[in-house]
Protein backbone atom coordinates (compact mmCIF):
# COMPACT_ATOMS: atom_id res chain seq x y z
CA MET A 1 -21.61 -29.76 -80.29
CA ILE A 2 -24.02 -27.34 -78.62
CA LYS A 3 -25.88 -28.04 -75.38
CA TYR A 4 -29.39 -26.83 -74.55
CA GLU A 5 -30.77 -27.48 -71.08
CA GLN A 6 -33.91 -26.69 -69.13
CA HIS A 7 -34.82 -28.22 -65.79
CA ASP A 8 -34.15 -31.98 -66.08
CA HIS A 9 -33.98 -32.15 -69.86
CA ILE A 10 -30.84 -31.80 -71.99
CA ILE A 11 -30.53 -31.59 -75.77
CA TYR A 12 -27.20 -31.88 -77.59
CA HIS A 13 -26.91 -30.66 -81.17
CA GLY A 14 -24.14 -32.81 -82.57
CA ASP A 15 -23.03 -36.22 -83.80
CA ALA A 16 -24.37 -39.10 -81.70
CA LEU A 17 -21.15 -41.09 -81.43
CA ALA A 18 -18.94 -38.08 -80.76
CA THR A 19 -21.34 -36.72 -78.13
CA LEU A 20 -21.65 -40.06 -76.38
CA ARG A 21 -17.87 -40.41 -76.23
CA SER A 22 -17.12 -36.90 -75.04
CA THR A 23 -20.08 -35.91 -72.89
CA ILE A 24 -22.14 -38.72 -71.33
CA GLU A 25 -20.68 -40.16 -68.13
CA THR A 26 -20.12 -43.87 -67.60
CA ALA A 27 -23.00 -45.71 -65.86
CA SER A 28 -25.16 -42.57 -65.69
CA VAL A 29 -28.29 -43.56 -67.65
CA ASP A 30 -31.21 -45.77 -66.56
CA LEU A 31 -32.92 -46.32 -69.90
CA ILE A 32 -31.79 -45.96 -73.52
CA PHE A 33 -34.03 -45.99 -76.58
CA VAL A 34 -32.05 -46.23 -79.82
CA ASP A 35 -33.72 -45.64 -83.18
CA PRO A 36 -30.79 -44.99 -85.57
CA PRO A 37 -30.80 -44.54 -89.34
CA TYR A 38 -31.58 -47.94 -90.85
CA ASN A 39 -29.25 -47.93 -93.89
CA ILE A 40 -32.18 -48.33 -96.28
CA GLY A 41 -31.76 -45.14 -98.31
CA LYS A 42 -34.39 -43.03 -96.55
CA LYS A 43 -34.04 -39.29 -97.16
CA PHE A 44 -33.84 -37.08 -94.07
CA ALA A 45 -33.54 -33.28 -93.95
CA ASP A 46 -29.88 -33.11 -95.01
CA PHE A 47 -28.85 -36.75 -94.92
CA LYS A 48 -29.56 -39.99 -96.78
CA ASP A 49 -29.16 -43.09 -94.63
CA ARG A 50 -27.15 -45.20 -97.03
CA TRP A 51 -23.70 -46.49 -96.07
CA PRO A 52 -21.18 -47.82 -98.64
CA SER A 53 -21.83 -51.40 -97.49
CA ASP A 54 -23.52 -53.40 -94.76
CA ALA A 55 -20.10 -53.99 -93.19
CA VAL A 56 -19.41 -50.26 -92.93
CA TYR A 57 -22.85 -49.66 -91.41
CA ALA A 58 -22.28 -52.47 -88.92
CA GLU A 59 -18.93 -51.07 -87.78
CA TRP A 60 -20.53 -47.65 -87.29
CA ALA A 61 -23.37 -49.21 -85.30
CA TYR A 62 -21.02 -51.30 -83.15
CA ALA A 63 -19.20 -48.12 -82.10
CA TRP A 64 -22.27 -46.37 -80.68
CA ILE A 65 -23.64 -49.62 -79.24
CA ASP A 66 -20.42 -49.91 -77.21
CA GLU A 67 -20.87 -46.33 -76.00
CA CYS A 68 -24.50 -46.94 -75.06
CA ILE A 69 -23.46 -49.96 -73.03
CA ARG A 70 -20.77 -47.88 -71.32
CA VAL A 71 -23.15 -45.11 -70.22
CA LEU A 72 -25.88 -47.53 -69.11
CA LYS A 73 -26.14 -48.19 -65.38
CA PRO A 74 -25.59 -51.77 -64.13
CA SER A 75 -29.36 -52.01 -63.58
CA GLY A 76 -30.17 -50.24 -66.85
CA THR A 77 -32.20 -51.24 -69.89
CA MET A 78 -31.72 -50.57 -73.60
CA TYR A 79 -34.25 -50.88 -76.42
CA LEU A 80 -32.76 -50.91 -79.91
CA MET A 81 -34.55 -50.70 -83.26
CA THR A 82 -33.19 -51.12 -86.75
CA SER A 83 -34.20 -52.54 -90.12
CA THR A 84 -35.07 -56.18 -90.66
CA GLN A 85 -31.97 -56.38 -92.85
CA ALA A 86 -29.56 -55.06 -90.21
CA MET A 87 -31.03 -56.65 -87.09
CA PRO A 88 -29.40 -60.11 -87.50
CA TYR A 89 -25.83 -58.87 -87.14
CA LEU A 90 -26.67 -56.26 -84.50
CA ASP A 91 -28.46 -59.00 -82.55
CA LEU A 92 -25.35 -61.20 -82.71
CA TYR A 93 -23.14 -58.34 -81.55
CA ILE A 94 -25.38 -57.30 -78.66
CA ARG A 95 -26.06 -60.79 -77.30
CA GLU A 96 -22.34 -61.09 -76.52
CA ARG A 97 -22.48 -57.95 -74.39
CA LEU A 98 -25.98 -57.71 -72.90
CA THR A 99 -28.82 -60.05 -71.99
CA ILE A 100 -31.59 -59.88 -74.58
CA LEU A 101 -34.86 -60.39 -72.70
CA SER A 102 -37.24 -59.98 -75.62
CA ARG A 103 -37.18 -59.67 -79.38
CA ILE A 104 -40.11 -57.37 -80.03
CA VAL A 105 -42.01 -56.94 -83.28
CA TRP A 106 -43.63 -53.57 -83.91
CA SER A 107 -46.47 -54.52 -86.26
CA TYR A 108 -48.26 -51.80 -88.20
CA ASP A 109 -50.63 -51.16 -91.07
CA SER A 110 -49.58 -50.85 -94.71
CA SER A 111 -47.81 -47.77 -95.96
CA GLY A 112 -49.68 -47.98 -99.24
CA LEU A 113 -46.51 -48.92 -101.15
CA GLN A 114 -46.87 -52.49 -102.37
CA ALA A 115 -43.89 -54.76 -103.02
CA LYS A 116 -44.02 -56.45 -106.43
CA LYS A 117 -41.08 -58.87 -106.35
CA TYR A 118 -41.08 -60.02 -102.72
CA TYR A 119 -43.29 -60.06 -99.60
CA GLY A 120 -43.76 -56.55 -98.27
CA SER A 121 -42.60 -55.73 -94.75
CA MET A 122 -45.24 -54.80 -92.18
CA TYR A 123 -43.09 -54.65 -89.06
CA GLU A 124 -39.88 -53.35 -87.51
CA PRO A 125 -37.82 -55.39 -85.03
CA MET A 126 -36.68 -54.20 -81.61
CA LEU A 127 -34.41 -55.68 -78.94
CA HIS A 128 -35.15 -55.35 -75.22
CA CYS A 129 -31.77 -55.72 -73.46
CA VAL A 130 -30.42 -55.40 -69.92
CA LYS A 131 -26.98 -55.40 -68.32
CA ASP A 132 -27.98 -57.58 -65.38
CA ALA A 133 -30.70 -60.18 -65.89
CA LYS A 134 -31.20 -60.38 -62.12
CA ALA A 135 -31.49 -56.64 -61.42
CA TYR A 136 -33.41 -54.47 -63.86
CA THR A 137 -36.59 -52.39 -63.97
CA PHE A 138 -39.80 -53.84 -65.39
CA ASN A 139 -42.96 -52.20 -64.06
CA VAL A 140 -45.38 -54.89 -65.10
CA ASP A 141 -48.47 -53.29 -63.54
CA ASP A 142 -47.87 -50.00 -65.38
CA ILE A 143 -48.20 -51.53 -68.84
CA ARG A 144 -50.99 -54.07 -68.50
CA ILE A 145 -53.47 -54.20 -71.36
CA ALA A 146 -56.97 -55.61 -71.72
CA ALA A 147 -57.11 -59.40 -71.94
CA ARG A 148 -59.40 -60.07 -74.87
CA THR A 149 -60.71 -63.64 -74.82
CA GLY A 150 -63.70 -63.23 -77.08
CA ALA A 151 -66.16 -64.09 -74.31
CA GLU A 152 -66.75 -63.61 -70.59
CA ARG A 153 -65.35 -66.90 -69.33
CA LYS A 154 -65.45 -67.95 -65.68
CA LEU A 155 -63.50 -70.40 -63.57
CA ILE A 156 -65.63 -73.39 -62.62
CA ASP A 157 -65.11 -74.69 -59.09
CA TYR A 158 -66.23 -78.34 -58.84
CA ARG A 159 -66.87 -77.87 -55.11
CA GLY A 160 -69.76 -75.55 -55.85
CA LYS A 161 -68.15 -72.27 -54.82
CA VAL A 162 -69.03 -69.05 -56.63
CA PRO A 163 -66.96 -68.92 -59.84
CA LYS A 164 -64.31 -66.21 -60.12
CA ARG A 165 -63.66 -64.30 -63.30
CA TYR A 166 -60.43 -64.64 -65.18
CA SER A 167 -58.05 -61.74 -64.97
CA THR A 168 -59.19 -58.97 -67.32
CA THR A 169 -55.69 -57.63 -67.98
CA LYS A 170 -52.39 -59.09 -69.11
CA VAL A 171 -48.78 -58.16 -69.80
CA PRO A 172 -48.22 -57.28 -73.48
CA GLU A 173 -46.65 -59.99 -75.61
CA ASN A 174 -43.70 -59.30 -77.89
CA VAL A 175 -45.83 -58.37 -80.91
CA TRP A 176 -46.97 -54.77 -80.52
CA HIS A 177 -49.79 -53.61 -82.79
CA VAL A 178 -49.37 -49.84 -82.87
CA PRO A 179 -50.40 -47.72 -85.90
CA ARG A 180 -47.73 -45.68 -87.59
CA VAL A 181 -47.90 -41.90 -87.28
CA ARG A 182 -49.91 -40.43 -90.13
CA TYR A 183 -49.98 -36.91 -91.52
CA ARG A 184 -53.41 -36.10 -90.09
CA MET A 185 -52.64 -37.33 -86.57
CA ASP A 186 -52.25 -34.78 -83.79
CA GLU A 187 -48.79 -36.11 -82.86
CA TYR A 188 -47.42 -35.79 -86.41
CA GLU A 189 -44.09 -34.00 -86.87
CA ASP A 190 -42.24 -33.37 -90.13
CA HIS A 191 -39.88 -36.37 -90.03
CA PRO A 192 -39.72 -39.45 -92.31
CA ALA A 193 -39.29 -42.04 -89.54
CA GLN A 194 -41.37 -40.81 -86.60
CA LYS A 195 -42.13 -43.41 -83.93
CA PRO A 196 -45.58 -43.39 -82.26
CA GLN A 197 -45.99 -41.91 -78.82
CA ALA A 198 -47.79 -45.07 -77.67
CA LEU A 199 -44.69 -47.13 -78.46
CA LEU A 200 -42.47 -44.92 -76.30
CA GLU A 201 -45.02 -44.69 -73.50
CA ARG A 202 -44.93 -48.45 -73.04
CA ILE A 203 -41.12 -48.50 -73.05
CA VAL A 204 -40.65 -45.59 -70.66
CA ARG A 205 -43.32 -46.75 -68.22
CA ALA A 206 -42.12 -50.35 -68.23
CA SER A 207 -38.39 -49.80 -67.90
CA SER A 208 -37.87 -46.67 -65.80
CA HIS A 209 -39.06 -44.97 -62.63
CA ALA A 210 -39.93 -41.34 -61.93
CA GLY A 211 -36.69 -39.38 -61.66
CA ASP A 212 -34.71 -41.82 -63.82
CA THR A 213 -32.62 -40.59 -66.76
CA VAL A 214 -33.69 -41.62 -70.27
CA LEU A 215 -31.28 -41.29 -73.21
CA ASP A 216 -32.12 -41.10 -76.92
CA PRO A 217 -28.94 -40.71 -79.04
CA PHE A 218 -30.87 -40.31 -82.33
CA ALA A 219 -33.67 -38.07 -81.11
CA GLY A 220 -35.48 -37.29 -84.39
CA THR A 221 -38.89 -35.97 -83.33
CA PHE A 222 -37.94 -36.13 -79.62
CA THR A 223 -40.87 -38.36 -78.75
CA THR A 224 -38.70 -40.23 -76.24
CA ALA A 225 -37.88 -37.02 -74.38
CA ALA A 226 -41.47 -35.75 -74.57
CA VAL A 227 -42.78 -38.99 -73.06
CA ALA A 228 -40.04 -39.00 -70.41
CA GLN A 229 -41.03 -35.45 -69.50
CA ALA A 230 -44.73 -36.35 -69.30
CA PHE A 231 -44.02 -39.21 -66.89
CA GLY A 232 -41.60 -37.40 -64.61
CA ARG A 233 -38.34 -38.77 -65.98
CA LYS A 234 -35.19 -36.84 -66.89
CA SER A 235 -34.02 -36.93 -70.49
CA ILE A 236 -30.88 -36.58 -72.59
CA SER A 237 -31.36 -36.25 -76.35
CA ILE A 238 -28.80 -36.06 -79.16
CA GLU A 239 -29.67 -34.84 -82.65
CA SER A 240 -27.29 -33.93 -85.48
CA GLN A 241 -29.68 -32.23 -87.92
CA ALA A 242 -30.84 -28.68 -87.28
CA ALA A 243 -34.28 -29.29 -88.83
CA TYR A 244 -35.04 -31.89 -86.17
CA LEU A 245 -33.21 -30.10 -83.36
CA LYS A 246 -35.85 -27.39 -83.68
CA ILE A 247 -38.58 -29.96 -83.00
CA GLY A 248 -36.94 -30.83 -79.70
CA LEU A 249 -36.35 -27.23 -78.69
CA ARG A 250 -40.05 -26.53 -79.19
CA ARG A 251 -41.51 -29.81 -78.01
CA VAL A 252 -39.34 -30.51 -74.97
CA LEU A 253 -37.72 -27.25 -73.88
CA GLY A 254 -40.60 -24.96 -74.85
CA PHE A 255 -38.64 -22.67 -77.19
CA GLU A 256 -40.82 -20.37 -79.27
CA THR A 257 -38.03 -19.22 -81.58
CA TYR A 258 -34.65 -20.45 -82.80
CA GLN A 259 -32.23 -17.99 -84.39
CA GLY A 260 -35.15 -15.70 -85.19
CA GLU A 261 -37.30 -18.47 -86.67
CA CYS A 262 -40.73 -19.25 -85.25
CA LEU A 263 -40.94 -22.78 -83.88
CA ALA A 264 -44.58 -23.59 -84.63
CA ARG A 265 -46.14 -27.01 -85.10
CA PRO A 266 -46.15 -28.32 -88.70
CA VAL A 267 -48.65 -26.46 -90.87
CA LYS A 268 -50.71 -29.25 -92.40
CA ASN A 269 -53.42 -29.16 -95.04
CA THR A 270 -55.83 -27.55 -92.64
CA ARG A 271 -57.86 -24.40 -92.06
CA VAL A 272 -58.03 -21.70 -89.42
CA ARG A 273 -60.46 -18.92 -88.65
CA ASN A 274 -59.17 -15.46 -89.38
CA GLY A 275 -59.98 -12.29 -87.42
CA ARG A 276 -63.43 -12.09 -88.97
CA GLY A 277 -64.26 -15.70 -88.14
CA LEU A 278 -63.92 -16.88 -91.75
CA LYS A 279 -62.17 -20.11 -92.68
CA LYS A 280 -58.99 -19.89 -94.73
CA ALA A 281 -55.99 -22.05 -95.62
CA ALA A 282 -53.44 -22.11 -92.81
CA THR A 283 -49.90 -20.79 -93.23
CA THR A 284 -46.95 -20.51 -90.86
CA GLU A 285 -47.88 -16.88 -90.21
CA ASP A 286 -51.15 -18.04 -88.64
CA PHE A 287 -49.15 -19.53 -85.78
CA CYS A 288 -46.46 -16.85 -85.40
CA SER A 289 -46.27 -13.12 -84.83
CA VAL A 290 -43.43 -10.67 -85.37
CA THR A 291 -42.14 -8.88 -82.26
CA ASP A 292 -40.87 -5.30 -82.10
CA ASP A 293 -37.29 -6.48 -82.64
CA GLY A 294 -38.26 -8.37 -85.79
CA GLU A 295 -38.30 -11.89 -84.33
CA GLN A 296 -41.14 -14.33 -84.86
CA LYS A 297 -43.07 -15.66 -81.88
CA ALA A 298 -45.41 -18.64 -81.71
CA LEU A 299 -49.11 -17.91 -81.28
CA SER A 300 -51.62 -20.08 -79.48
CA GLY A 301 -54.85 -18.22 -80.09
CA ASN A 302 -55.92 -19.37 -83.56
CA THR A 303 -58.53 -22.06 -83.80
CA LEU A 304 -57.42 -25.16 -85.72
CA LEU A 305 -60.05 -26.84 -87.83
CA SER A 306 -58.09 -29.98 -88.62
CA ASP A 307 -61.08 -31.95 -89.84
CA TRP A 308 -62.73 -29.18 -91.82
């Protein structure tokens, strides 16, 4: 396990369960967002998330759930995501240990892959849990959304007073309609299970305060840490795969290189202008330069023409 730290943000390169057990202090974290492998056979950089059986997956999950509960403060909150297949038994396990305030549905658009022998899934479930149902953070005014009623309705006062408008905002319900991250989006990173920034913004703003510590034990694209950083929170991230560690080093800690490799944003099917102002297909070299000692360094001067 290797630790990287800058200001109020820490990244651990190592196994989530081992790092939680050996490194994170008891009752030290205000908010946890957990987005583990789902046990559905998805291929990651050097790992396929398929366990020998559901029972083996469950036992693995129970172990890190226990550790997350241990490191969570008495007033802390945990959000946990998993597959629709695994959520029933994780829900049963967690409800014996925490108070589940909400069962949230992240609803999104189609992936383009159509099921042929059953109804296709268009959502992922998430639990919103707290240690103490009488003392937890929920910043309701920070997450209000527009109240869409379909018309400008007014309250009618039978005594003849001037009508007052209904409230134009409301607290989000437990079905969250947030588009999945697509290849052409600005926030896209090279990861098969990236969660949208908007999803994490709602969670971080609702369930933590400035200066609080936010933990993500399966960091992936480090969106949790990036959002925590943007809103003045501290962050602790754990990631086992080097390919995704590099995303966090660049995105959260501001590293330009890692072991001599340039840490540039993903090079998508896009174009840049070269030195003569002509458009050409982008490559990694368009976003990196080689220093005198042979190392690559990220560049920021080239003009992206993402929609060209």
